[in-house]
């Protein structure tokens, strides 16, 4: 990875400017390099290393989101049926990511897959008759889809003790609970993966990488190009570069940078920052008793990103258990941002959206206040709903990353709080930005394919199509309708990624 001492000279014009050194920019930069090695690409990252913010290992749960265990992706309709369409979509998107990572490994652009991805069963766990019945119906519906074949369901305590001995310890035999288990689940270290791609771009491609460089403003030029103002944080120097295409993959800072571009598509967007905290243990005896990621249902008025889960993590070869997340609130848009980020983001174009979203989400505000005020004793009480005999001395509090949830204009409510990810592109396709959070990093390859399709449609349909199919063998095909394709592509990625299941 380059340092400030050996940077290439900053050019005055680039074909592509990528803002942010996270999983999104690294993915898009790698894709563009493969599609056209002659493109002049530059990445600006404000910190001294790739993946220091949202993509960092401890700043997210590391779940390879495949919709195996996340109950909010399978809502129950008013008539009582389970809708799995979103779950199927997310499962397919993660398969795209696995294919892209497999391609990078096969080309030897990155190495040692176990550094960043490992098999880890994904489980859903529910308590009480009503939720057990919901999980049963969900399981019955999901196994009808080839994407979720192999998912197991049980209410049997003996079976549950085999699956999750740490959680089942000290539980009464008459307690009503149920779980599903999908062995195809994974734990992903997105920080390590991002740095592997970043190292390839910096050292083995023609991409220019500038660390400690902060993009301050983006302005349109009369010829359709963009002027990007960049601050060298090491030498306190401002520079201007022009670009044909700009991608804003700056995490929480994507919103203010998008607004600075003044494109009509950015109007009305606002951001609601939410931070997180985990309880973490490195106790090997506890870890040995919990070898899965176990998600349950979110509490009343809790946002989807706050669904309680107890997870196995594998980071830099070391195993740990993580429980949470506990929500927090900060006016920063990044973990290493400024407390002025939120107030400075408010303007005449989005104030109606912000107020509308706040007014219609008062229970969420109350929830966040309660979460912020929690003591470790109270957090341990929540953990003991999962692990009955959890001891405070085994668990430490770790601060997670900062997320900025999207607030969009809404005719009915003024503003609406969104909990997904969204690609915003201008009419001419010369600037794009990724906003939002979960499922985020897991679906980075799919999200960046959307950017390519929206911003370079003619190239995608013609000269880039063959290469895209080489990178993503199932590109343009729907997996849910093709059982044989699912089987073959999972076998392909399993072998290259060295997965156990």
Protein backbone atom coordinates (compact mmCIF):
# COMPACT_ATOMS: atom_id res chain seq x y z
CA UNK A 1 0.00 0.00 0.00
CA UNK A 2 1.47 3.39 -0.96
CA UNK A 3 2.47 5.95 1.63
CA UNK A 4 2.48 9.72 1.34
CA UNK A 5 6.20 9.53 0.53
CA UNK A 6 5.90 7.52 -2.69
CA UNK A 7 2.72 8.77 -4.33
CA UNK A 8 2.62 9.11 -8.07
CA UNK A 9 2.15 12.70 -9.18
CA UNK A 10 -1.52 13.68 -9.08
CA UNK A 11 -2.80 14.07 -12.62
CA UNK A 12 -5.06 16.94 -13.65
CA UNK A 13 -7.66 14.67 -15.29
CA UNK A 14 -8.90 11.13 -14.70
CA UNK A 15 -11.45 9.01 -16.50
CA UNK A 16 -12.75 7.78 -13.14
CA UNK A 17 -12.56 9.24 -9.62
CA UNK A 18 -13.51 6.87 -6.79
CA UNK A 19 -14.10 8.50 -3.42
CA UNK A 20 -13.53 6.34 -0.35
CA UNK A 21 -11.30 3.33 0.34
CA UNK A 22 -14.02 0.92 1.41
CA UNK A 23 -15.44 -2.27 -0.09
CA UNK A 24 -17.59 -0.40 -2.64
CA UNK A 25 -14.84 1.69 -4.26
CA UNK A 26 -12.40 -1.24 -4.16
CA UNK A 27 -14.98 -3.45 -5.89
CA UNK A 28 -15.91 -0.89 -8.53
CA UNK A 29 -12.28 0.03 -9.15
CA UNK A 30 -11.33 -3.62 -9.66
CA UNK A 31 -14.26 -4.23 -11.98
CA UNK A 32 -13.50 -1.15 -14.10
CA UNK A 33 -9.83 -2.05 -14.30
CA UNK A 34 -10.74 -5.50 -15.59
CA UNK A 35 -13.29 -4.17 -18.07
CA UNK A 36 -10.94 -1.52 -19.45
CA UNK A 37 -7.29 -1.62 -18.24
CA UNK A 38 -6.61 1.63 -20.12
CA UNK A 39 -8.93 3.68 -17.92
CA UNK A 40 -7.16 6.30 -15.81
CA UNK A 41 -8.59 5.63 -12.34
CA UNK A 42 -7.84 7.34 -9.03
CA UNK A 43 -9.01 6.49 -5.50
CA UNK A 44 -9.04 9.11 -2.76
CA UNK A 45 -9.23 7.87 0.85
CA UNK A 46 -9.25 10.35 3.73
CA UNK A 47 -7.63 7.97 6.25
CA UNK A 48 -4.27 6.21 6.11
CA UNK A 49 -5.50 2.77 5.14
CA UNK A 50 -8.21 1.07 3.14
CA UNK A 51 -11.27 -0.13 5.09
CA UNK A 52 -10.87 1.95 8.23
CA UNK A 53 -14.56 2.83 8.52
CA UNK A 54 -17.68 0.79 7.65
CA UNK A 55 -15.71 -2.03 6.00
CA UNK A 56 -13.43 -2.57 9.02
CA UNK A 57 -13.85 -6.01 10.60
CA UNK A 58 -15.15 -4.89 14.00
CA UNK A 59 -17.29 -2.09 12.54
CA UNK A 60 -19.81 -4.61 11.18
CA UNK A 61 -21.07 -8.06 12.12
CA UNK A 62 -19.22 -9.85 9.32
CA UNK A 63 -22.37 -11.67 8.26
CA UNK A 64 -22.31 -12.78 4.65
CA UNK A 65 -25.92 -11.65 4.25
CA UNK A 66 -27.69 -14.41 2.33
CA UNK A 67 -31.11 -14.01 4.01
CA UNK A 68 -30.66 -17.39 5.70
CA UNK A 69 -31.15 -16.03 9.22
CA UNK A 70 -32.39 -12.41 8.94
CA UNK A 71 -36.09 -12.58 9.78
CA UNK A 72 -36.82 -9.01 8.66
CA UNK A 73 -36.20 -10.12 5.04
CA UNK A 74 -39.20 -12.49 5.21
CA UNK A 75 -42.20 -10.47 6.43
CA UNK A 76 -45.53 -12.07 7.24
CA UNK A 77 -48.43 -10.60 5.25
CA UNK A 78 -51.77 -9.63 6.78
CA UNK A 79 -53.34 -12.87 5.56
CA UNK A 80 -50.58 -14.83 7.32
CA UNK A 81 -48.45 -15.88 4.36
CA UNK A 82 -44.68 -15.38 4.28
CA UNK A 83 -43.13 -13.24 1.55
CA UNK A 84 -39.65 -14.53 0.66
CA UNK A 85 -39.08 -12.40 -2.46
CA UNK A 86 -36.65 -10.05 -0.72
CA UNK A 87 -34.82 -12.99 0.84
CA UNK A 88 -34.39 -14.61 -2.58
CA UNK A 89 -33.09 -11.34 -4.03
CA UNK A 90 -30.49 -10.88 -1.28
CA UNK A 91 -29.43 -14.53 -1.46
CA UNK A 92 -28.81 -14.14 -5.20
CA UNK A 93 -26.87 -10.92 -4.63
CA UNK A 94 -24.50 -12.62 -2.19
CA UNK A 95 -23.92 -15.40 -4.70
CA UNK A 96 -22.78 -12.67 -7.13
CA UNK A 97 -20.27 -11.44 -4.54
CA UNK A 98 -18.94 -14.97 -4.02
CA UNK A 99 -18.48 -15.39 -7.77
CA UNK A 100 -16.60 -12.10 -8.06
CA UNK A 101 -14.28 -12.97 -5.16
CA UNK A 102 -13.71 -16.39 -6.74
CA UNK A 103 -12.73 -14.69 -9.99
CA UNK A 104 -10.21 -12.47 -8.17
CA UNK A 105 -8.68 -15.54 -6.54
CA UNK A 106 -8.53 -17.45 -9.81
CA UNK A 107 -6.69 -14.50 -11.42
CA UNK A 108 -4.37 -14.34 -8.38
CA UNK A 109 -5.28 -10.69 -7.79
CA UNK A 110 -5.97 -11.69 -4.19
CA UNK A 111 -4.96 -14.77 -2.23
CA UNK A 112 -5.68 -16.89 0.87
CA UNK A 113 -9.51 -16.89 0.94
CA UNK A 114 -9.64 -18.04 4.56
CA UNK A 115 -8.18 -14.65 5.49
CA UNK A 116 -11.53 -13.10 4.65
CA UNK A 117 -14.27 -15.74 4.34
CA UNK A 118 -15.05 -18.85 6.41
CA UNK A 119 -17.99 -21.21 6.67
CA UNK A 120 -20.26 -20.42 9.60
CA UNK A 121 -23.83 -21.76 9.98
CA UNK A 122 -26.56 -19.11 9.93
CA UNK A 123 -29.43 -19.67 12.33
CA UNK A 124 -32.71 -18.00 13.28
CA UNK A 125 -33.88 -18.48 16.87
CA UNK A 126 -37.29 -17.51 18.24
CA UNK A 127 -39.09 -17.80 21.56
CA UNK A 128 -42.80 -18.36 22.36
CA UNK A 129 -45.64 -20.11 20.51
CA UNK A 130 -46.47 -17.24 18.16
CA UNK A 131 -42.93 -16.75 16.89
CA UNK A 132 -42.32 -20.50 16.70
CA UNK A 133 -45.32 -20.79 14.40
CA UNK A 134 -43.98 -17.89 12.30
CA UNK A 135 -40.59 -19.59 11.97
CA UNK A 136 -42.23 -22.89 11.03
CA UNK A 137 -44.23 -21.21 8.24
CA UNK A 138 -41.15 -19.31 7.11
CA UNK A 139 -39.14 -22.52 6.92
CA UNK A 140 -41.87 -24.32 4.96
CA UNK A 141 -41.98 -21.48 2.45
CA UNK A 142 -38.23 -21.01 2.14
CA UNK A 143 -37.33 -24.64 1.45
CA UNK A 144 -39.62 -24.50 -1.57
CA UNK A 145 -36.98 -22.21 -3.10
CA UNK A 146 -33.83 -23.88 -4.43
CA UNK A 147 -31.81 -21.06 -2.84
CA UNK A 148 -32.73 -22.28 0.64
CA UNK A 149 -32.72 -26.04 0.12
CA UNK A 150 -31.00 -27.74 3.05
CA UNK A 151 -32.35 -25.35 5.70
CA UNK A 152 -33.23 -27.33 8.83
CA UNK A 153 -35.97 -26.54 11.36
CA UNK A 154 -36.38 -27.90 14.87
CA UNK A 155 -38.14 -27.34 18.17
CA UNK A 156 -36.36 -30.33 19.72
CA UNK A 157 -34.22 -29.33 22.70
CA UNK A 158 -31.74 -32.17 22.20
CA UNK A 159 -31.15 -31.09 18.62
CA UNK A 160 -30.82 -27.45 19.73
CA UNK A 161 -28.25 -28.46 22.34
CA UNK A 162 -26.17 -29.93 19.52
CA UNK A 163 -26.53 -26.78 17.41
CA UNK A 164 -26.14 -24.07 20.05
CA UNK A 165 -24.94 -25.54 23.38
CA UNK A 166 -23.96 -22.14 24.80
CA UNK A 167 -27.46 -20.74 24.31
CA UNK A 168 -29.25 -23.89 25.46
CA UNK A 169 -27.30 -24.24 28.71
CA UNK A 170 -29.45 -23.71 31.86
CA UNK A 171 -32.70 -23.58 29.84
CA UNK A 172 -35.84 -25.31 31.13
CA UNK A 173 -37.05 -28.34 29.19
CA UNK A 174 -40.54 -26.86 28.83
CA UNK A 175 -39.37 -23.58 27.27
CA UNK A 176 -40.99 -23.06 23.86
CA UNK A 177 -38.43 -22.13 21.23
CA UNK A 178 -37.42 -23.05 17.70
CA UNK A 179 -34.54 -22.53 15.30
CA UNK A 180 -33.59 -22.91 11.68
CA UNK A 181 -30.06 -23.72 10.54
CA UNK A 182 -28.35 -23.21 7.20
CA UNK A 183 -24.85 -24.63 6.96
CA UNK A 184 -24.08 -22.60 3.81
CA UNK A 185 -23.70 -19.42 5.90
CA UNK A 186 -20.42 -17.52 6.07
CA UNK A 187 -18.45 -15.11 8.24
CA UNK A 188 -16.69 -12.42 6.20
CA UNK A 189 -13.88 -10.06 7.16
CA UNK A 190 -14.71 -7.24 4.77
CA UNK A 191 -11.76 -5.19 5.99
CA UNK A 192 -9.19 -7.78 4.96
CA UNK A 193 -10.99 -8.41 1.65
CA UNK A 194 -11.05 -4.68 0.88
CA UNK A 195 -7.36 -4.27 1.65
CA UNK A 196 -6.50 -7.23 -0.60
CA UNK A 197 -8.33 -5.55 -3.49
CA UNK A 198 -6.83 -2.18 -2.57
CA UNK A 199 -3.32 -3.65 -2.60
CA UNK A 200 -3.93 -5.12 -6.04
CA UNK A 201 -5.17 -1.77 -7.38
CA UNK A 202 -2.30 0.18 -5.82
CA UNK A 203 0.54 -2.17 -6.71
CA UNK A 204 -0.49 -4.28 -9.71
CA UNK A 205 -2.72 -2.02 -11.79
CA UNK A 206 -2.49 1.45 -13.29
CA UNK A 207 -4.84 2.85 -10.62
CA UNK A 208 -3.56 5.81 -8.61
CA UNK A 209 -4.28 5.52 -4.88
CA UNK A 210 -4.02 8.54 -2.57
CA UNK A 211 -4.37 7.96 1.16
CA UNK A 212 -4.87 10.87 3.57
CA UNK A 213 -6.70 12.71 0.77
CA UNK A 214 -10.10 14.17 1.61
CA UNK A 215 -12.56 15.14 -1.15
CA UNK A 216 -14.15 18.42 -0.10
CA UNK A 217 -16.37 19.36 -3.04
CA UNK A 218 -17.71 18.10 -6.37
CA UNK A 219 -18.89 20.59 -9.00
CA UNK A 220 -20.26 20.11 -12.52
CA UNK A 221 -18.38 21.64 -15.45
CA UNK A 222 -19.93 23.03 -18.62
CA UNK A 223 -18.52 20.23 -20.77
CA UNK A 224 -20.26 17.51 -18.72
CA UNK A 225 -17.18 16.61 -16.71
CA UNK A 226 -16.70 17.05 -12.97
CA UNK A 227 -14.35 19.19 -10.91
CA UNK A 228 -13.24 17.41 -7.74
CA UNK A 229 -11.57 19.45 -4.99
CA UNK A 230 -9.18 17.32 -2.91
CA UNK A 231 -7.31 18.16 0.27
CA UNK A 232 -3.98 16.46 1.00
CA UNK A 233 -4.32 16.01 4.77
CA UNK A 234 -0.60 15.35 5.24
CA UNK A 235 0.63 18.50 3.49
CA UNK A 236 -2.45 20.75 3.89
CA UNK A 237 -2.61 21.24 0.15
CA UNK A 238 -5.73 21.69 -1.98
CA UNK A 239 -5.85 20.36 -5.54
CA UNK A 240 -8.42 20.24 -8.30
CA UNK A 241 -8.80 17.33 -10.68
CA UNK A 242 -11.37 16.81 -13.40
CA UNK A 243 -13.10 13.54 -14.15
CA UNK A 244 -15.46 12.03 -16.71
CA UNK A 245 -17.08 9.84 -14.04
CA UNK A 246 -17.25 10.11 -10.25
CA UNK A 247 -18.31 7.43 -7.78
CA UNK A 248 -18.99 8.40 -4.17
CA UNK A 249 -18.37 5.38 -1.96
CA UNK A 250 -17.54 7.36 1.14
CA UNK A 251 -19.83 5.68 3.66
CA UNK A 252 -21.63 8.25 5.78
CA UNK A 253 -19.88 11.09 3.96
CA UNK A 254 -21.47 10.03 0.67
CA UNK A 255 -24.57 12.11 1.43
CA UNK A 256 -22.92 15.56 1.88
CA UNK A 257 -20.64 14.91 -1.10
CA UNK A 258 -23.62 13.93 -3.23
CA UNK A 259 -25.41 17.11 -2.17
CA UNK A 260 -22.36 19.18 -3.11
CA UNK A 261 -22.72 17.97 -6.71
CA UNK A 262 -26.12 19.73 -6.97
CA UNK A 263 -27.62 17.02 -9.16
CA UNK A 264 -31.46 17.05 -9.06
CA UNK A 265 -31.47 13.38 -8.04
CA UNK A 266 -29.88 14.28 -4.69
CA UNK A 267 -32.69 16.63 -3.64
CA UNK A 268 -34.68 15.64 -0.59
CA UNK A 269 -32.21 13.08 0.69
CA UNK A 270 -31.21 13.30 4.33
CA UNK A 271 -29.21 11.15 6.68
CA UNK A 272 -29.94 9.70 10.13
CA UNK A 273 -26.69 8.57 11.81
CA UNK A 274 -26.84 5.52 14.05
CA UNK A 275 -23.83 4.04 15.82
CA UNK A 276 -23.49 0.61 17.35
CA UNK A 277 -21.77 -1.30 20.13
CA UNK A 278 -21.03 -4.99 20.69
CA UNK A 279 -20.39 -7.16 23.69
CA UNK A 280 -17.40 -9.31 22.74
CA UNK A 281 -15.72 -12.31 24.35
CA UNK A 282 -12.44 -14.04 23.47
CA UNK A 283 -12.94 -16.79 26.07
CA UNK A 284 -12.06 -20.06 24.25
CA UNK A 285 -14.40 -22.14 26.42
CA UNK A 286 -17.39 -20.03 25.41
CA UNK A 287 -16.33 -19.87 21.76
CA UNK A 288 -16.07 -23.67 21.60
CA UNK A 289 -19.75 -23.87 22.56
CA UNK A 290 -20.99 -21.47 19.91
CA UNK A 291 -19.99 -22.01 16.29
CA UNK A 292 -22.73 -20.13 14.44
CA UNK A 293 -24.39 -16.80 13.78
CA UNK A 294 -27.76 -16.76 15.55
CA UNK A 295 -30.30 -14.04 14.78
CA UNK A 296 -33.65 -13.46 16.46
CA UNK A 297 -36.49 -10.96 16.01
CA UNK A 298 -36.02 -7.23 16.58
CA UNK A 299 -37.71 -5.71 19.61
CA UNK A 300 -40.73 -3.44 19.36
CA UNK A 301 -39.81 -0.07 17.74
CA UNK A 302 -36.25 -1.25 17.15
CA UNK A 303 -34.75 -0.66 13.68
CA UNK A 304 -33.89 -3.72 11.56
CA UNK A 305 -30.16 -3.05 11.99
CA UNK A 306 -30.63 -3.65 15.74
CA UNK A 307 -31.83 -7.25 15.47
CA UNK A 308 -30.15 -9.09 18.39
CA UNK A 309 -27.68 -11.76 17.33
CA UNK A 310 -24.91 -13.82 18.87
CA UNK A 311 -22.19 -14.48 16.31
CA UNK A 312 -19.01 -16.40 15.81
CA UNK A 313 -16.37 -14.06 14.32
CA UNK A 314 -13.09 -15.09 12.70
CA UNK A 315 -10.77 -12.08 12.40
CA UNK A 316 -7.07 -12.39 11.55
CA UNK A 317 -7.28 -16.10 12.32
CA UNK A 318 -8.64 -15.52 15.83
CA UNK A 319 -12.13 -16.57 16.90
CA UNK A 320 -14.41 -14.47 19.11
CA UNK A 321 -18.09 -14.15 19.95
CA UNK A 322 -20.01 -10.96 19.38
CA UNK A 323 -23.43 -10.02 20.78
CA UNK A 324 -25.53 -7.03 19.86
CA UNK A 325 -25.76 -4.60 18.33
CA UNK A 326 -26.68 -2.00 20.91
CA UNK A 327 -27.70 1.15 19.10
CA UNK A 328 -26.19 4.51 19.84
CA UNK A 329 -26.51 7.99 18.48
CA UNK A 330 -23.90 10.45 17.31
CA UNK A 331 -24.14 13.41 14.98
CA UNK A 332 -21.02 12.10 13.18
CA UNK A 333 -21.49 10.57 9.74
CA UNK A 334 -18.30 8.53 10.12
CA UNK A 335 -16.67 6.96 13.16
CA UNK A 336 -13.73 9.32 12.61
CA UNK A 337 -15.93 12.17 11.42
CA UNK A 338 -17.09 15.48 12.91
CA UNK A 339 -19.91 16.17 15.36
CA UNK A 340 -20.99 18.89 12.91
CA UNK A 341 -21.74 16.35 10.16
CA UNK A 342 -25.46 16.07 10.87
CA UNK A 343 -26.26 19.78 11.43
CA UNK A 344 -24.19 20.78 8.41
CA UNK A 345 -26.10 18.30 6.24
CA UNK A 346 -29.42 20.07 6.83
CA UNK A 347 -30.51 22.40 4.03
CA UNK A 348 -33.66 23.81 2.44
CA UNK A 349 -33.90 20.89 0.03
CA UNK A 350 -34.04 18.16 2.68
CA UNK A 351 -35.35 19.80 5.87
CA UNK A 352 -38.93 18.75 5.08
CA UNK A 353 -37.79 15.14 4.60
CA UNK A 354 -35.77 15.20 7.82
CA UNK A 355 -38.61 16.62 9.90
CA UNK A 356 -41.15 14.24 8.38
CA UNK A 357 -38.97 11.21 9.07
CA UNK A 358 -38.35 12.35 12.65
CA UNK A 359 -42.03 13.01 13.33
CA UNK A 360 -43.13 9.62 12.00
CA UNK A 361 -40.37 7.76 13.84
CA UNK A 362 -40.75 9.10 17.38
CA UNK A 363 -40.69 5.55 18.84
CA UNK A 364 -37.29 5.04 17.17
CA UNK A 365 -36.00 8.23 18.79
CA UNK A 366 -37.19 6.95 22.17
CA UNK A 367 -35.53 3.58 21.48
CA UNK A 368 -32.20 5.22 20.65
CA UNK A 369 -32.31 7.37 23.80
CA UNK A 370 -32.90 4.25 25.90
CA UNK A 371 -30.06 2.40 24.15
CA UNK A 372 -27.58 5.25 24.61
CA UNK A 373 -28.39 5.41 28.33
CA UNK A 374 -27.81 1.68 28.91
CA UNK A 375 -25.15 0.55 31.37
CA UNK A 376 -23.05 -2.58 30.97
CA UNK A 377 -25.21 -4.24 33.63
CA UNK A 378 -28.28 -3.63 31.45
CA UNK A 379 -26.51 -4.87 28.33
CA UNK A 380 -25.50 -8.03 30.18
CA UNK A 381 -29.17 -8.56 31.07
CA UNK A 382 -29.98 -8.57 27.35
CA UNK A 383 -27.15 -11.00 26.68
CA UNK A 384 -28.49 -13.33 29.38
CA UNK A 385 -31.69 -13.70 27.36
CA UNK A 386 -29.41 -15.63 25.01
CA UNK A 387 -26.70 -16.94 27.35
CA UNK A 388 -28.31 -17.62 30.71
CA UNK A 389 -25.12 -17.77 32.78
CA UNK A 390 -23.11 -15.07 30.97
CA UNK A 391 -20.54 -13.48 33.29
CA UNK A 392 -19.68 -9.79 32.97
CA UNK A 393 -15.94 -10.43 33.35
CA UNK A 394 -15.97 -12.54 30.14
CA UNK A 395 -17.41 -9.77 27.97
CA UNK A 396 -16.06 -6.36 26.94
CA UNK A 397 -17.79 -3.50 25.16
CA UNK A 398 -16.52 -2.69 21.67
CA UNK A 399 -17.63 0.31 19.60
CA UNK A 400 -18.89 -0.64 16.14
CA UNK A 401 -19.07 1.49 13.02
CA UNK A 402 -21.19 4.51 12.22
CA UNK A 403 -24.10 4.10 9.80
CA UNK A 404 -26.16 6.77 8.08
CA UNK A 405 -29.66 5.57 7.28
CA UNK A 406 -31.31 7.13 4.23
CA UNK A 407 -34.12 9.64 4.61
CA UNK A 408 -36.10 10.14 1.40
CA UNK A 409 -38.86 12.47 0.32
CA UNK A 410 -42.35 11.09 0.84
CA UNK A 411 -45.56 12.69 -0.38
CA UNK A 412 -47.58 11.23 2.50
CA UNK A 413 -45.12 11.67 5.38
CA UNK A 414 -42.78 14.42 4.15
CA UNK A 415 -39.82 12.11 4.75
CA UNK A 416 -39.36 8.37 5.10
CA UNK A 417 -36.57 6.51 6.87
CA UNK A 418 -35.10 3.69 4.75
CA UNK A 419 -32.99 0.82 6.08
CA UNK A 420 -31.56 -0.61 2.88
CA UNK A 421 -28.94 0.47 0.37
CA UNK A 422 -29.59 2.61 -2.68
CA UNK A 423 -27.60 3.64 -5.74
CA UNK A 424 -28.24 7.25 -6.79
CA UNK A 425 -27.21 8.18 -10.35
CA UNK A 426 -27.65 11.42 -12.31
CA UNK A 427 -29.49 11.52 -15.62
CA UNK A 428 -26.35 11.45 -17.75
CA UNK A 429 -24.77 8.62 -15.72
CA UNK A 430 -21.60 10.59 -14.97
CA UNK A 431 -21.87 10.53 -11.19
CA UNK A 432 -23.12 7.81 -8.84
CA UNK A 433 -23.30 7.34 -5.09
CA UNK A 434 -24.14 4.51 -2.75
CA UNK A 435 -26.28 5.47 0.23
CA UNK A 436 -27.55 3.44 3.17
CA UNK A 437 -26.44 0.43 5.18
CA UNK A 438 -27.49 -3.24 5.42
CA UNK A 439 -27.05 -5.58 3.58
CA UNK A 440 -24.29 -3.28 2.32
CA UNK A 441 -20.85 -4.92 2.01
CA UNK A 442 -22.25 -8.42 1.40
CA UNK A 443 -23.86 -7.27 -1.82
CA UNK A 444 -21.09 -4.92 -2.98
CA UNK A 445 -20.53 -6.77 -6.27
CA UNK A 446 -24.24 -6.58 -7.14
CA UNK A 447 -24.44 -2.91 -6.17
CA UNK A 448 -21.43 -2.04 -8.32
CA UNK A 449 -22.92 -3.97 -11.25
CA UNK A 450 -25.93 -1.66 -10.87
CA UNK A 451 -23.59 1.33 -11.11
CA UNK A 452 -22.04 -0.08 -14.29
CA UNK A 453 -25.43 -0.80 -15.85
CA UNK A 454 -26.79 2.66 -15.05
CA UNK A 455 -23.67 4.65 -15.93
CA UNK A 456 -22.15 2.65 -18.80
CA UNK A 457 -25.19 0.93 -20.37
CA UNK A 458 -23.85 0.69 -23.93
CA UNK A 459 -20.51 -0.76 -22.86
CA UNK A 460 -22.22 -3.25 -20.53
CA UNK A 461 -24.46 -4.47 -23.36
CA UNK A 462 -21.65 -4.70 -25.90
CA UNK A 463 -17.88 -4.59 -25.39
CA UNK A 464 -17.93 -5.37 -21.63
CA UNK A 465 -20.52 -8.14 -21.69
CA UNK A 466 -18.14 -11.06 -22.27
CA UNK A 467 -15.78 -9.91 -19.52
CA UNK A 468 -18.64 -9.38 -17.09
CA UNK A 469 -19.77 -12.95 -17.68
CA UNK A 470 -16.23 -14.14 -17.05
CA UNK A 471 -16.18 -12.27 -13.71
CA UNK A 472 -19.76 -13.23 -12.79
CA UNK A 473 -20.67 -16.51 -14.58
CA UNK A 474 -24.38 -16.13 -13.72
CA UNK A 475 -24.51 -12.47 -14.82
CA UNK A 476 -27.94 -11.63 -16.21
CA UNK A 477 -29.52 -14.90 -15.02
CA UNK A 478 -32.01 -15.40 -12.20
CA UNK A 479 -30.82 -18.13 -9.88
CA UNK A 480 -34.11 -18.82 -8.09
CA UNK A 481 -35.58 -20.21 -11.32
CA UNK A 482 -32.62 -22.43 -12.16
CA UNK A 483 -31.83 -25.19 -9.61
CA UNK A 484 -29.01 -26.69 -11.71
CA UNK A 485 -27.32 -23.28 -12.05
CA UNK A 486 -27.51 -22.72 -8.28
CA UNK A 487 -25.94 -26.12 -7.64
CA UNK A 488 -23.12 -25.57 -10.14
CA UNK A 489 -22.28 -22.01 -9.11
CA UNK A 490 -22.23 -22.85 -5.40
CA UNK A 491 -19.93 -25.79 -6.09
CA UNK A 492 -17.65 -23.47 -8.12
CA UNK A 493 -17.40 -20.77 -5.43
CA UNK A 494 -17.15 -23.31 -2.60
CA UNK A 495 -14.02 -24.85 -4.10
CA UNK A 496 -12.23 -21.61 -4.89
CA UNK A 497 -13.21 -19.87 -1.63
CA UNK A 498 -12.24 -23.04 0.29
CA UNK A 499 -15.56 -23.16 2.13
CA UNK A 500 -16.58 -26.18 4.19
CA UNK A 501 -20.20 -26.24 3.00
